[in-house]
C-alpha atoms as a PDB file:
ATOM      1  CA  UNK A   1     -55.251  46.364  31.128  1.00  0.00           C
ATOM      2  CA  UNK A   2     -57.549  44.504  28.726  1.00  0.00           C
ATOM      3  CA  UNK A   3     -58.221  46.176  25.384  1.00  0.00           C
ATOM      4  CA  UNK A   4     -61.444  46.509  23.392  1.00  0.00           C
ATOM      5  CA  UNK A   5     -60.339  43.924  20.826  1.00  0.00           C
ATOM      6  CA  UNK A   6     -59.902  41.241  23.504  1.00  0.00           C
ATOM      7  CA  UNK A   7     -63.169  42.175  25.176  1.00  0.00           C
ATOM      8  CA  UNK A   8     -65.102  42.003  21.915  1.00  0.00           C
ATOM      9  CA  UNK A   9     -63.645  38.605  21.014  1.00  0.00           C
ATOM     10  CA  UNK A  10     -64.264  37.056  24.429  1.00  0.00           C
ATOM     11  CA  UNK A  11     -67.885  38.185  24.548  1.00  0.00           C
ATOM     12  CA  UNK A  12     -68.595  35.501  21.959  1.00  0.00           C
ATOM     13  CA  UNK A  13     -68.654  32.496  24.299  1.00  0.00           C
ATOM     14  CA  UNK A  14     -71.104  30.553  22.111  1.00  0.00           C
ATOM     15  CA  UNK A  15     -68.161  29.508  19.960  1.00  0.00           C
ATOM     16  CA  UNK A  16     -66.582  26.344  21.333  1.00  0.00           C
ATOM     17  CA  UNK A  17     -65.049  24.875  18.192  1.00  0.00           C
ATOM     18  CA  UNK A  18     -63.974  26.876  15.134  1.00  0.00           C
ATOM     19  CA  UNK A  19     -62.216  25.851  11.942  1.00  0.00           C
ATOM     20  CA  UNK A  20     -60.030  28.531  10.346  1.00  0.00           C
ATOM     21  CA  UNK A  21     -58.959  27.932   6.748  1.00  0.00           C
ATOM     22  CA  UNK A  22     -55.699  29.789   6.177  1.00  0.00           C
ATOM     23  CA  UNK A  23     -54.975  31.990   9.143  1.00  0.00           C
ATOM     24  CA  UNK A  24     -51.199  31.686   9.405  1.00  0.00           C
ATOM     25  CA  UNK A  25     -50.305  35.197   8.201  1.00  0.00           C
ATOM     26  CA  UNK A  26     -51.041  38.764   9.247  1.00  0.00           C
ATOM     27  CA  UNK A  27     -54.476  39.343  10.772  1.00  0.00           C
ATOM     28  CA  UNK A  28     -55.413  35.709  10.125  1.00  0.00           C
ATOM     29  CA  UNK A  29     -52.861  34.611  12.685  1.00  0.00           C
ATOM     30  CA  UNK A  30     -54.240  37.169  15.116  1.00  0.00           C
ATOM     31  CA  UNK A  31     -57.723  35.767  14.476  1.00  0.00           C
ATOM     32  CA  UNK A  32     -56.494  32.293  15.433  1.00  0.00           C
ATOM     33  CA  UNK A  33     -54.816  33.444  18.634  1.00  0.00           C
ATOM     34  CA  UNK A  34     -57.856  35.531  19.636  1.00  0.00           C
ATOM     35  CA  UNK A  35     -60.049  32.454  19.377  1.00  0.00           C
ATOM     36  CA  UNK A  36     -57.538  30.204  21.143  1.00  0.00           C
ATOM     37  CA  UNK A  37     -56.988  32.652  23.996  1.00  0.00           C
ATOM     38  CA  UNK A  38     -60.769  32.972  24.451  1.00  0.00           C
ATOM     39  CA  UNK A  39     -60.917  29.232  25.143  1.00  0.00           C
ATOM     40  CA  UNK A  40     -62.175  28.174  21.721  1.00  0.00           C
ATOM     41  CA  UNK A  41     -60.938  24.875  20.293  1.00  0.00           C
ATOM     42  CA  UNK A  42     -59.348  25.966  17.001  1.00  0.00           C
ATOM     43  CA  UNK A  43     -58.597  23.758  14.016  1.00  0.00           C
ATOM     44  CA  UNK A  44     -56.438  25.401  11.368  1.00  0.00           C
ATOM     45  CA  UNK A  45     -56.497  24.055   7.815  1.00  0.00           C
ATOM     46  CA  UNK A  46     -53.691  24.785   5.383  1.00  0.00           C
ATOM     47  CA  UNK A  47     -51.334  22.935   3.058  1.00  0.00           C
ATOM     48  CA  UNK A  48     -48.713  22.655   5.756  1.00  0.00           C
ATOM     49  CA  UNK A  49     -46.214  25.241   4.584  1.00  0.00           C
ATOM     50  CA  UNK A  50     -46.649  27.256   7.802  1.00  0.00           C
ATOM     51  CA  UNK A  51     -47.212  25.881  11.279  1.00  0.00           C
ATOM     52  CA  UNK A  52     -50.087  27.262  13.373  1.00  0.00           C
ATOM     53  CA  UNK A  53     -49.599  28.913  16.751  1.00  0.00           C
ATOM     54  CA  UNK A  54     -49.171  26.571  19.745  1.00  0.00           C
ATOM     55  CA  UNK A  55     -52.335  25.050  21.153  1.00  0.00           C
ATOM     56  CA  UNK A  56     -54.099  24.832  17.795  1.00  0.00           C
ATOM     57  CA  UNK A  57     -55.160  21.642  15.994  1.00  0.00           C
ATOM     58  CA  UNK A  58     -53.535  21.441  12.556  1.00  0.00           C
ATOM     59  CA  UNK A  59     -55.079  19.781   9.495  1.00  0.00           C
ATOM     60  CA  UNK A  60     -52.911  19.658   6.385  1.00  0.00           C
ATOM     61  CA  UNK A  61     -54.923  19.678   3.175  1.00  0.00           C
ATOM     62  CA  UNK A  62     -55.421  21.556  -0.090  1.00  0.00           C
ATOM     63  CA  UNK A  63     -58.693  23.396   0.434  1.00  0.00           C
ATOM     64  CA  UNK A  64     -59.354  23.304  -3.323  1.00  0.00           C
ATOM     65  CA  UNK A  65     -59.371  19.482  -3.342  1.00  0.00           C
ATOM     66  CA  UNK A  66     -62.717  18.463  -1.866  1.00  0.00           C
ATOM     67  CA  UNK A  67     -61.900  14.757  -1.512  1.00  0.00           C
ATOM     68  CA  UNK A  68     -58.561  15.378   0.198  1.00  0.00           C
ATOM     69  CA  UNK A  69     -60.058  18.051   2.455  1.00  0.00           C
ATOM     70  CA  UNK A  70     -62.919  15.813   3.584  1.00  0.00           C
ATOM     71  CA  UNK A  71     -60.538  12.932   4.293  1.00  0.00           C
ATOM     72  CA  UNK A  72     -58.166  15.175   6.256  1.00  0.00           C
ATOM     73  CA  UNK A  73     -60.990  16.572   8.384  1.00  0.00           C
ATOM     74  CA  UNK A  74     -62.278  13.120   9.263  1.00  0.00           C
ATOM     75  CA  UNK A  75     -65.295  13.287  11.549  1.00  0.00           C
ATOM     76  CA  UNK A  76     -64.576  16.790  12.899  1.00  0.00           C
ATOM     77  CA  UNK A  77     -67.506  19.189  13.281  1.00  0.00           C
ATOM     78  CA  UNK A  78     -67.459  22.869  14.184  1.00  0.00           C
ATOM     79  CA  UNK A  79     -69.650  25.614  15.579  1.00  0.00           C
ATOM     80  CA  UNK A  80     -68.288  27.880  12.840  1.00  0.00           C
ATOM     81  CA  UNK A  81     -65.809  28.034   9.977  1.00  0.00           C
ATOM     82  CA  UNK A  82     -63.874  31.214   9.144  1.00  0.00           C
ATOM     83  CA  UNK A  83     -62.425  31.017   5.648  1.00  0.00           C
ATOM     84  CA  UNK A  84     -59.485  33.372   5.195  1.00  0.00           C
ATOM     85  CA  UNK A  85     -58.412  32.142   1.763  1.00  0.00           C
ATOM     86  CA  UNK A  86     -61.588  31.770  -0.284  1.00  0.00           C
ATOM     87  CA  UNK A  87     -60.830  33.356  -3.644  1.00  0.00           C
ATOM     88  CA  UNK A  88     -62.913  31.602  -6.309  1.00  0.00           C
ATOM     89  CA  UNK A  89     -66.366  30.129  -6.924  1.00  0.00           C
ATOM     90  CA  UNK A  90     -64.723  26.731  -7.434  1.00  0.00           C
ATOM     91  CA  UNK A  91     -63.296  26.884  -3.907  1.00  0.00           C
ATOM     92  CA  UNK A  92     -66.686  28.006  -2.578  1.00  0.00           C
ATOM     93  CA  UNK A  93     -68.342  24.997  -4.225  1.00  0.00           C
ATOM     94  CA  UNK A  94     -65.837  22.719  -2.469  1.00  0.00           C
ATOM     95  CA  UNK A  95     -66.572  24.443   0.836  1.00  0.00           C
ATOM     96  CA  UNK A  96     -70.323  23.883   0.420  1.00  0.00           C
ATOM     97  CA  UNK A  97     -69.822  20.158  -0.230  1.00  0.00           C
ATOM     98  CA  UNK A  98     -67.258  19.489   2.470  1.00  0.00           C
ATOM     99  CA  UNK A  99     -68.707  21.569   5.313  1.00  0.00           C
ATOM    100  CA  UNK A 100     -72.406  20.848   4.783  1.00  0.00           C
ATOM    101  CA  UNK A 101     -73.334  18.876   7.908  1.00  0.00           C
ATOM    102  CA  UNK A 102     -70.046  19.767   9.635  1.00  0.00           C
ATOM    103  CA  UNK A 103     -70.958  23.321  10.636  1.00  0.00           C
ATOM    104  CA  UNK A 104     -73.993  25.517  10.997  1.00  0.00           C
ATOM    105  CA  UNK A 105     -72.065  28.723  10.351  1.00  0.00           C
ATOM    106  CA  UNK A 106     -69.661  29.761   7.573  1.00  0.00           C
ATOM    107  CA  UNK A 107     -67.879  33.135   7.431  1.00  0.00           C
ATOM    108  CA  UNK A 108     -65.868  34.204   4.417  1.00  0.00           C
ATOM    109  CA  UNK A 109     -63.234  36.934   4.554  1.00  0.00           C
ATOM    110  CA  UNK A 110     -63.970  39.073   1.519  1.00  0.00           C
ATOM    111  CA  UNK A 111     -62.731  42.479   0.391  1.00  0.00           C
ATOM    112  CA  UNK A 112     -63.825  46.006  -0.449  1.00  0.00           C
ATOM    113  CA  UNK A 113     -62.481  45.397  -3.967  1.00  0.00           C
ATOM    114  CA  UNK A 114     -65.802  43.710  -4.777  1.00  0.00           C
ATOM    115  CA  UNK A 115     -67.128  47.300  -5.135  1.00  0.00           C
ATOM    116  CA  UNK A 116     -64.353  48.549  -7.421  1.00  0.00           C
ATOM    117  CA  UNK A 117     -66.115  50.013 -10.478  1.00  0.00           C
ATOM    118  CA  UNK A 118     -63.006  49.391 -12.560  1.00  0.00           C
ATOM    119  CA  UNK A 119     -63.575  45.630 -12.214  1.00  0.00           C
ATOM    120  CA  UNK A 120     -67.171  45.348 -13.441  1.00  0.00           C
ATOM    121  CA  UNK A 121     -69.445  47.341 -15.764  1.00  0.00           C
ATOM    122  CA  UNK A 122     -72.280  46.612 -13.303  1.00  0.00           C
ATOM    123  CA  UNK A 123     -70.726  48.812 -10.625  1.00  0.00           C
ATOM    124  CA  UNK A 124     -70.260  52.515 -10.099  1.00  0.00           C
ATOM    125  CA  UNK A 125     -69.765  54.628  -7.025  1.00  0.00           C
ATOM    126  CA  UNK A 126     -71.483  57.920  -6.292  1.00  0.00           C
ATOM    127  CA  UNK A 127     -68.952  60.480  -4.996  1.00  0.00           C
ATOM    128  CA  UNK A 128     -69.840  61.544  -1.490  1.00  0.00           C
ATOM    129  CA  UNK A 129     -71.932  58.458  -0.798  1.00  0.00           C
ATOM    130  CA  UNK A 130     -70.204  55.469   0.856  1.00  0.00           C
ATOM    131  CA  UNK A 131     -70.941  52.139  -0.821  1.00  0.00           C
ATOM    132  CA  UNK A 132     -73.396  49.941   1.075  1.00  0.00           C
ATOM    133  CA  UNK A 133     -73.484  46.155   0.979  1.00  0.00           C
ATOM    134  CA  UNK A 134     -76.448  46.106  -1.412  1.00  0.00           C
ATOM    135  CA  UNK A 135     -74.255  47.449  -4.225  1.00  0.00           C
ATOM    136  CA  UNK A 136     -73.014  43.890  -4.729  1.00  0.00           C
ATOM    137  CA  UNK A 137     -75.813  41.437  -3.976  1.00  0.00           C
ATOM    138  CA  UNK A 138     -74.373  37.903  -4.082  1.00  0.00           C
ATOM    139  CA  UNK A 139     -77.824  36.351  -4.429  1.00  0.00           C
ATOM    140  CA  UNK A 140     -78.116  37.939  -7.865  1.00  0.00           C
ATOM    141  CA  UNK A 141     -74.497  37.907  -9.026  1.00  0.00           C
ATOM    142  CA  UNK A 142     -73.825  35.621 -11.999  1.00  0.00           C
ATOM    143  CA  UNK A 143     -71.416  32.704 -11.552  1.00  0.00           C
ATOM    144  CA  UNK A 144     -69.422  31.294 -14.462  1.00  0.00           C
ATOM    145  CA  UNK A 145     -68.184  27.825 -13.441  1.00  0.00           C
ATOM    146  CA  UNK A 146     -66.798  27.231 -16.933  1.00  0.00           C
ATOM    147  CA  UNK A 147     -63.865  29.578 -16.419  1.00  0.00           C
ATOM    148  CA  UNK A 148     -60.489  28.033 -15.445  1.00  0.00           C
ATOM    149  CA  UNK A 149     -60.781  28.944 -11.745  1.00  0.00           C
ATOM    150  CA  UNK A 150     -58.343  26.145 -10.866  1.00  0.00           C
ATOM    151  CA  UNK A 151     -55.592  27.988 -12.767  1.00  0.00           C
ATOM    152  CA  UNK A 152     -54.825  31.428 -11.231  1.00  0.00           C
ATOM    153  CA  UNK A 153     -52.552  32.442 -14.095  1.00  0.00           C
ATOM    154  CA  UNK A 154     -55.246  31.634 -16.659  1.00  0.00           C
ATOM    155  CA  UNK A 155     -57.842  33.618 -14.712  1.00  0.00           C
ATOM    156  CA  UNK A 156     -55.513  36.629 -14.577  1.00  0.00           C
ATOM    157  CA  UNK A 157     -54.983  36.361 -18.333  1.00  0.00           C
ATOM    158  CA  UNK A 158     -58.746  36.239 -18.820  1.00  0.00           C
ATOM    159  CA  UNK A 159     -59.727  39.156 -16.545  1.00  0.00           C
ATOM    160  CA  UNK A 160     -56.574  41.070 -15.648  1.00  0.00           C
ATOM    161  CA  UNK A 161     -55.151  40.911 -12.128  1.00  0.00           C
ATOM    162  CA  UNK A 162     -57.454  43.343 -10.307  1.00  0.00           C
ATOM    163  CA  UNK A 163     -60.646  42.033 -11.896  1.00  0.00           C
ATOM    164  CA  UNK A 164     -59.614  38.407 -11.367  1.00  0.00           C
ATOM    165  CA  UNK A 165     -59.324  39.035  -7.635  1.00  0.00           C
ATOM    166  CA  UNK A 166     -62.522  41.078  -7.294  1.00  0.00           C
ATOM    167  CA  UNK A 167     -64.639  38.861  -9.536  1.00  0.00           C
ATOM    168  CA  UNK A 168     -63.354  35.717  -7.852  1.00  0.00           C
ATOM    169  CA  UNK A 169     -64.521  37.082  -4.502  1.00  0.00           C
ATOM    170  CA  UNK A 170     -67.894  38.208  -5.894  1.00  0.00           C
ATOM    171  CA  UNK A 171     -68.594  34.848  -7.493  1.00  0.00           C
ATOM    172  CA  UNK A 172     -67.398  32.977  -4.390  1.00  0.00           C
ATOM    173  CA  UNK A 173     -69.921  34.934  -2.326  1.00  0.00           C
ATOM    174  CA  UNK A 174     -72.608  34.106  -4.899  1.00  0.00           C
ATOM    175  CA  UNK A 175     -71.922  30.372  -4.596  1.00  0.00           C
ATOM    176  CA  UNK A 176     -72.254  30.518  -0.805  1.00  0.00           C
ATOM    177  CA  UNK A 177     -75.461  32.561  -1.076  1.00  0.00           C
ATOM    178  CA  UNK A 178     -77.282  30.145  -3.398  1.00  0.00           C
ATOM    179  CA  UNK A 179     -79.504  27.961  -1.162  1.00  0.00           C
ATOM    180  CA  UNK A 180     -76.694  27.593   1.395  1.00  0.00           C
ATOM    181  CA  UNK A 181     -76.405  24.428   3.530  1.00  0.00           C
ATOM    182  CA  UNK A 182     -75.387  26.600   6.511  1.00  0.00           C
ATOM    183  CA  UNK A 183     -75.830  30.137   7.800  1.00  0.00           C
ATOM    184  CA  UNK A 184     -73.243  32.271   6.022  1.00  0.00           C
ATOM    185  CA  UNK A 185     -71.754  35.745   6.087  1.00  0.00           C
ATOM    186  CA  UNK A 186     -69.129  37.585   4.082  1.00  0.00           C
ATOM    187  CA  UNK A 187     -66.988  40.159   5.893  1.00  0.00           C
ATOM    188  CA  UNK A 188     -65.833  42.639   3.271  1.00  0.00           C
ATOM    189  CA  UNK A 189     -62.636  44.034   4.710  1.00  0.00           C
ATOM    190  CA  UNK A 190     -61.252  47.487   4.056  1.00  0.00           C
ATOM    191  CA  UNK A 191     -57.531  47.876   3.397  1.00  0.00           C
ATOM    192  CA  UNK A 192     -55.802  46.424   6.449  1.00  0.00           C
ATOM    193  CA  UNK A 193     -52.951  48.349   8.076  1.00  0.00           C
ATOM    194  CA  UNK A 194     -50.744  47.840  11.130  1.00  0.00           C
ATOM    195  CA  UNK A 195     -48.715  45.008  12.533  1.00  0.00           C
ATOM    196  CA  UNK A 196     -45.267  46.025  11.327  1.00  0.00           C
ATOM    197  CA  UNK A 197     -43.324  43.012  10.103  1.00  0.00           C
ATOM    198  CA  UNK A 198     -46.490  40.904  10.102  1.00  0.00           C
ATOM    199  CA  UNK A 199     -47.862  43.034   7.243  1.00  0.00           C
ATOM    200  CA  UNK A 200     -46.402  41.090   4.340  1.00  0.00           C
ATOM    201  CA  UNK A 201     -47.967  43.437   1.757  1.00  0.00           C
ATOM    202  CA  UNK A 202     -45.450  46.233   2.400  1.00  0.00           C
ATOM    203  CA  UNK A 203     -48.010  48.874   1.424  1.00  0.00           C
ATOM    204  CA  UNK A 204     -47.730  51.056   4.507  1.00  0.00           C
ATOM    205  CA  UNK A 205     -43.945  50.610   4.486  1.00  0.00           C
ATOM    206  CA  UNK A 206     -43.989  51.956   0.922  1.00  0.00           C
ATOM    207  CA  UNK A 207     -45.351  55.243   2.277  1.00  0.00           C
ATOM    208  CA  UNK A 208     -43.265  55.477   5.422  1.00  0.00           C
ATOM    209  CA  UNK A 209     -40.087  54.710   3.494  1.00  0.00           C
ATOM    210  CA  UNK A 210     -40.648  57.332   0.806  1.00  0.00           C
ATOM    211  CA  UNK A 211     -41.837  60.047   3.177  1.00  0.00           C
ATOM    212  CA  UNK A 212     -39.052  59.456   5.712  1.00  0.00           C
ATOM    213  CA  UNK A 213     -36.474  59.662   2.918  1.00  0.00           C
ATOM    214  CA  UNK A 214     -37.963  62.876   1.517  1.00  0.00           C
ATOM    215  CA  UNK A 215     -38.853  61.192  -1.767  1.00  0.00           C
ATOM    216  CA  UNK A 216     -42.105  61.994  -3.606  1.00  0.00           C
ATOM    217  CA  UNK A 217     -45.129  59.716  -3.410  1.00  0.00           C
ATOM    218  CA  UNK A 218     -46.881  59.016  -6.724  1.00  0.00           C
ATOM    219  CA  UNK A 219     -50.589  59.898  -6.459  1.00  0.00           C
ATOM    220  CA  UNK A 220     -53.393  60.638  -8.885  1.00  0.00           C
ATOM    221  CA  UNK A 221     -54.137  64.266  -9.713  1.00  0.00           C
ATOM    222  CA  UNK A 222     -57.378  64.021  -7.725  1.00  0.00           C
ATOM    223  CA  UNK A 223     -57.033  60.906  -5.587  1.00  0.00           C
ATOM    224  CA  UNK A 224     -60.325  59.488  -4.348  1.00  0.00           C
ATOM    225  CA  UNK A 225     -60.823  58.285  -0.764  1.00  0.00           C
ATOM    226  CA  UNK A 226     -60.707  54.669   0.302  1.00  0.00           C
ATOM    227  CA  UNK A 227     -61.448  52.735   3.493  1.00  0.00           C
ATOM    228  CA  UNK A 228     -59.037  51.304   6.052  1.00  0.00           C
ATOM    229  CA  UNK A 229     -59.185  49.033   9.079  1.00  0.00           C
ATOM    230  CA  UNK A 230     -56.743  48.141  11.853  1.00  0.00           C
ATOM    231  CA  UNK A 231     -55.382  44.592  11.627  1.00  0.00           C
ATOM    232  CA  UNK A 232     -56.418  43.646  15.169  1.00  0.00           C
ATOM    233  CA  UNK A 233     -59.922  45.017  14.707  1.00  0.00           C
ATOM    234  CA  UNK A 234     -60.677  43.088  11.515  1.00  0.00           C
ATOM    235  CA  UNK A 235     -59.625  39.890  13.308  1.00  0.00           C
ATOM    236  CA  UNK A 236     -61.971  40.674  16.217  1.00  0.00           C
ATOM    237  CA  UNK A 237     -64.786  41.516  13.794  1.00  0.00           C
ATOM    238  CA  UNK A 238     -64.459  38.106  12.134  1.00  0.00           C
ATOM    239  CA  UNK A 239     -64.786  36.435  15.528  1.00  0.00           C
ATOM    240  CA  UNK A 240     -67.858  38.509  16.359  1.00  0.00           C
ATOM    241  CA  UNK A 241     -69.549  37.825  13.019  1.00  0.00           C
ATOM    242  CA  UNK A 242     -68.812  34.094  13.330  1.00  0.00           C
ATOM    243  CA  UNK A 243     -70.661  34.067  16.658  1.00  0.00           C
ATOM    244  CA  UNK A 244     -73.582  36.139  15.377  1.00  0.00           C
ATOM    245  CA  UNK A 245     -76.666  35.199  13.347  1.00  0.00           C
ATOM    246  CA  UNK A 246     -75.927  37.917  10.753  1.00  0.00           C
ATOM    247  CA  UNK A 247     -76.388  36.690   7.176  1.00  0.00           C
ATOM    248  CA  UNK A 248     -74.934  38.098   3.978  1.00  0.00           C
ATOM    249  CA  UNK A 249     -72.334  40.796   3.459  1.00  0.00           C
ATOM    250  CA  UNK A 250     -70.939  43.058   6.174  1.00  0.00           C
ATOM    251  CA  UNK A 251     -68.578  45.967   5.476  1.00  0.00           C
ATOM    252  CA  UNK A 252     -65.687  46.129   7.948  1.00  0.00           C
ATOM    253  CA  UNK A 253     -63.941  49.499   8.053  1.00  0.00           C
ATOM    254  CA  UNK A 254     -63.002  52.470  10.176  1.00  0.00           C
ATOM    255  CA  UNK A 255     -65.548  55.249   9.892  1.00  0.00           C
ATOM    256  CA  UNK A 256     -63.552  57.938   8.093  1.00  0.00           C
ATOM    257  CA  UNK A 257     -62.127  57.174   4.638  1.00  0.00           C
ATOM    258  CA  UNK A 258     -58.907  58.844   3.514  1.00  0.00           C
ATOM    259  CA  UNK A 259     -57.492  59.687   0.125  1.00  0.00           C
ATOM    260  CA  UNK A 260     -53.806  59.084  -0.601  1.00  0.00           C
ATOM    261  CA  UNK A 261     -52.790  62.663   0.187  1.00  0.00           C
ATOM    262  CA  UNK A 262     -54.648  62.670   3.504  1.00  0.00           C
ATOM    263  CA  UNK A 263     -52.946  59.377   4.347  1.00  0.00           C
ATOM    264  CA  UNK A 264     -49.541  60.840   3.472  1.00  0.00           C
ATOM    265  CA  UNK A 265     -50.146  63.939   5.580  1.00  0.00           C
ATOM    266  CA  UNK A 266     -51.018  61.834   8.633  1.00  0.00           C
ATOM    267  CA  UNK A 267     -47.912  59.700   8.111  1.00  0.00           C
ATOM    268  CA  UNK A 268     -45.675  62.736   7.614  1.00  0.00           C
ATOM    269  CA  UNK A 269     -47.060  64.331  10.757  1.00  0.00           C
ATOM    270  CA  UNK A 270     -46.193  61.208  12.743  1.00  0.00           C
ATOM    271  CA  UNK A 271     -42.699  61.135  11.241  1.00  0.00           C
ATOM    272  CA  UNK A 272     -42.164  64.839  11.924  1.00  0.00           C
ATOM    273  CA  UNK A 273     -41.515  65.697   8.306  1.00  0.00           C
ATOM    274  CA  UNK A 274     -43.235  66.923   5.149  1.00  0.00           C
ATOM    275  CA  UNK A 275     -44.719  64.703   2.453  1.00  0.00           C
ATOM    276  CA  UNK A 276     -43.780  65.347  -1.158  1.00  0.00           C
ATOM    277  CA  UNK A 277     -45.799  64.262  -4.190  1.00  0.00           C
ATOM    278  CA  UNK A 278     -45.539  63.604  -7.891  1.00  0.00           C
ATOM    279  CA  UNK A 279     -48.345  63.034 -10.344  1.00  0.00           C
ATOM    280  CA  UNK A 280     -49.007  59.385 -11.115  1.00  0.00           C
ATOM    281  CA  UNK A 281     -48.877  58.341 -14.742  1.00  0.00           C
ATOM    282  CA  UNK A 282     -50.822  55.258 -15.857  1.00  0.00           C
ATOM    283  CA  UNK A 283     -50.187  52.338 -13.532  1.00  0.00           C
ATOM    284  CA  UNK A 284     -47.353  54.190 -11.801  1.00  0.00           C
ATOM    285  CA  UNK A 285     -49.123  55.131  -8.596  1.00  0.00           C
ATOM    286  CA  UNK A 286     -48.808  54.259  -4.952  1.00  0.00           C
ATOM    287  CA  UNK A 287     -51.103  51.713  -3.301  1.00  0.00           C
ATOM    288  CA  UNK A 288     -54.289  53.318  -1.934  1.00  0.00           C
ATOM    289  CA  UNK A 289     -54.195  56.061  -4.583  1.00  0.00           C
ATOM    290  CA  UNK A 290     -57.393  55.667  -6.619  1.00  0.00           C
ATOM    291  CA  UNK A 291     -59.003  57.613  -9.457  1.00  0.00           C
ATOM    292  CA  UNK A 292     -62.460  56.218  -8.639  1.00  0.00           C
ATOM    293  CA  UNK A 293     -64.830  56.253  -5.680  1.00  0.00           C
ATOM    294  CA  UNK A 294     -65.819  53.240  -3.585  1.00  0.00           C
ATOM    295  CA  UNK A 295     -65.183  53.800   0.151  1.00  0.00           C
ATOM    296  CA  UNK A 296     -67.491  51.649   2.263  1.00  0.00           C
ATOM    297  CA  UNK A 297     -70.591  52.389   4.316  1.00  0.00           C
ATOM    298  CA  UNK A 298     -70.193  51.109   7.903  1.00  0.00           C
ATOM    299  CA  UNK A 299     -73.809  51.387   9.073  1.00  0.00           C
ATOM    300  CA  UNK A 300     -74.582  47.674   9.013  1.00  0.00           C
ATOM    301  CA  UNK A 301     -71.415  46.878  10.956  1.00  0.00           C
ATOM    302  CA  UNK A 302     -72.354  49.459  13.577  1.00  0.00           C
ATOM    303  CA  UNK A 303     -75.854  47.975  13.857  1.00  0.00           C
ATOM    304  CA  UNK A 304     -74.280  44.565  14.529  1.00  0.00           C
ATOM    305  CA  UNK A 305     -72.143  45.967  17.339  1.00  0.00           C
ATOM    306  CA  UNK A 306     -68.820  45.736  15.514  1.00  0.00           C
ATOM    307  CA  UNK A 307     -66.233  48.168  16.883  1.00  0.00           C
ATOM    308  CA  UNK A 308     -63.796  49.982  14.591  1.00  0.00           C
ATOM    309  CA  UNK A 309     -61.659  52.869  15.828  1.00  0.00           C
ATOM    310  CA  UNK A 310     -61.265  55.990  13.661  1.00  0.00           C
ATOM    311  CA  UNK A 311     -58.273  55.630  11.349  1.00  0.00           C
ATOM    312  CA  UNK A 312     -56.583  58.720  12.769  1.00  0.00           C
ATOM    313  CA  UNK A 313     -56.602  57.111  16.228  1.00  0.00           C
ATOM    314  CA  UNK A 314     -54.684  53.954  15.328  1.00  0.00           C
ATOM    315  CA  UNK A 315     -52.669  55.023  12.275  1.00  0.00           C
ATOM    316  CA  UNK A 316     -49.820  56.668  14.278  1.00  0.00           C
ATOM    317  CA  UNK A 317     -49.129  53.360  16.015  1.00  0.00           C
ATOM    318  CA  UNK A 318     -49.239  51.531  12.675  1.00  0.00           C
ATOM    319  CA  UNK A 319     -46.692  54.007  11.274  1.00  0.00           C
ATOM    320  CA  UNK A 320     -44.398  53.372  14.251  1.00  0.00           C
ATOM    321  CA  UNK A 321     -44.670  49.614  13.674  1.00  0.00           C
ATOM    322  CA  UNK A 322     -43.846  49.973   9.972  1.00  0.00           C
ATOM    323  CA  UNK A 323     -40.798  52.127  10.709  1.00  0.00           C
ATOM    324  CA  UNK A 324     -39.579  49.699  13.358  1.00  0.00           C
ATOM    325  CA  UNK A 325     -39.984  46.753  11.000  1.00  0.00           C
ATOM    326  CA  UNK A 326     -38.029  48.555   8.277  1.00  0.00           C
ATOM    327  CA  UNK A 327     -35.195  49.325  10.691  1.00  0.00           C
ATOM    328  CA  UNK A 328     -35.106  45.702  11.808  1.00  0.00           C
ATOM    329  CA  UNK A 329     -34.891  44.547   8.174  1.00  0.00           C
ATOM    330  CA  UNK A 330     -32.084  47.021   7.513  1.00  0.00           C
ATOM    331  CA  UNK A 331     -30.201  45.816  10.588  1.00  0.00           C
ATOM    332  CA  UNK A 332     -30.508  42.200   9.469  1.00  0.00           C
ATOM    333  CA  UNK A 333     -29.340  43.162   5.992  1.00  0.00           C
ATOM    334  CA  UNK A 334     -26.367  45.084   7.361  1.00  0.00           C
ATOM    335  CA  UNK A 335     -25.417  42.175   9.611  1.00  0.00           C
ATOM    336  CA  UNK A 336     -25.644  39.788   6.694  1.00  0.00           C
ATOM    337  CA  UNK A 337     -23.483  42.030   4.516  1.00  0.00           C
ATOM    338  CA  UNK A 338     -20.900  42.344   7.290  1.00  0.00           C
ATOM    339  CA  UNK A 339     -20.856  38.596   7.747  1.00  0.00           C
ATOM    340  CA  UNK A 340     -20.377  38.033   4.027  1.00  0.00           C
ATOM    341  CA  UNK A 341     -17.557  40.561   3.926  1.00  0.00           C
ATOM    342  CA  UNK A 342     -15.872  38.832   6.851  1.00  0.00           C
ATOM    343  CA  UNK A 343     -16.173  35.465   5.182  1.00  0.00           C
ATOM    344  CA  UNK A 344     -14.679  36.863   1.965  1.00  0.00           C
ATOM    345  CA  UNK A 345     -11.768  38.268   3.953  1.00  0.00           C
ATOM    346  CA  UNK A 346     -11.064  34.920   5.558  1.00  0.00           C
ATOM    347  CA  UNK A 347     -11.288  33.158   2.232  1.00  0.00           C
ATOM    348  CA  UNK A 348      -8.824  35.611   0.762  1.00  0.00           C
END
């Protein structure tokens, strides 16, 4: 039986040729295979450290080097570009130069962290009111090209890690929005969950591991809610937005936000156990535990026909995948330890 993700992706038959920058890990890889399986000619651009799925054109280039990127692309043109690894205004400036005249449509994968009030004095959330796209307007956001955007470590020293990430995304959006040479959109993704071993972040596994072992999860005294999205559904949303005429920012999230305790209770229920907690101190807190409000408003996404299942519907399956991946890792580790012990015995 076909699922809603496949149906949504394959409705977008106006896309014949798409360039994906990045797209070899997690939901980016699913994005590539969705496009390929829908009959789209996909060109994947990366530095060559990871091979793309079969049936995908591969261009090896550093996306931050405009000259090298243009040379590697040659005379290729595309119906759309989906940029999975656009982190700085310097990279956005390269994208504008290289893809002007090569595509009429550019979609950037952004993040809900652009709304984090801890990363800019210009932002603040109103408890009880989800944050709409207008809270961060890229057409009016200041860009500072004089900062050392080419040096990630220097940018982190300048801003701090969280602000460096959020501000890089905000300023990248601003560069694309300024008299763009193509139609552009920014899909601001909620926290992505699901996929088991494909989820390289380990954030859901952090919860399932602690709760399954009966160990306490560190949360704020009054954790604030945040937004989530299923890994397959964010990939399908990127495809849909790439094929649409929508311009500007689009929030991509499941409808109901959860705070860290609500998330733990759903996980514990799936595991058939009870979650335990301890009060977080300073930076010692679990991922998705926040002391500030900025869950996202999904009304624009709904108006564009994007489909996101309620978190409670897909989270149990994501928990199962995380547990299975952890068991597989433990089995590999045990096999490796046994092999090492055997080799030591032979050597002795």
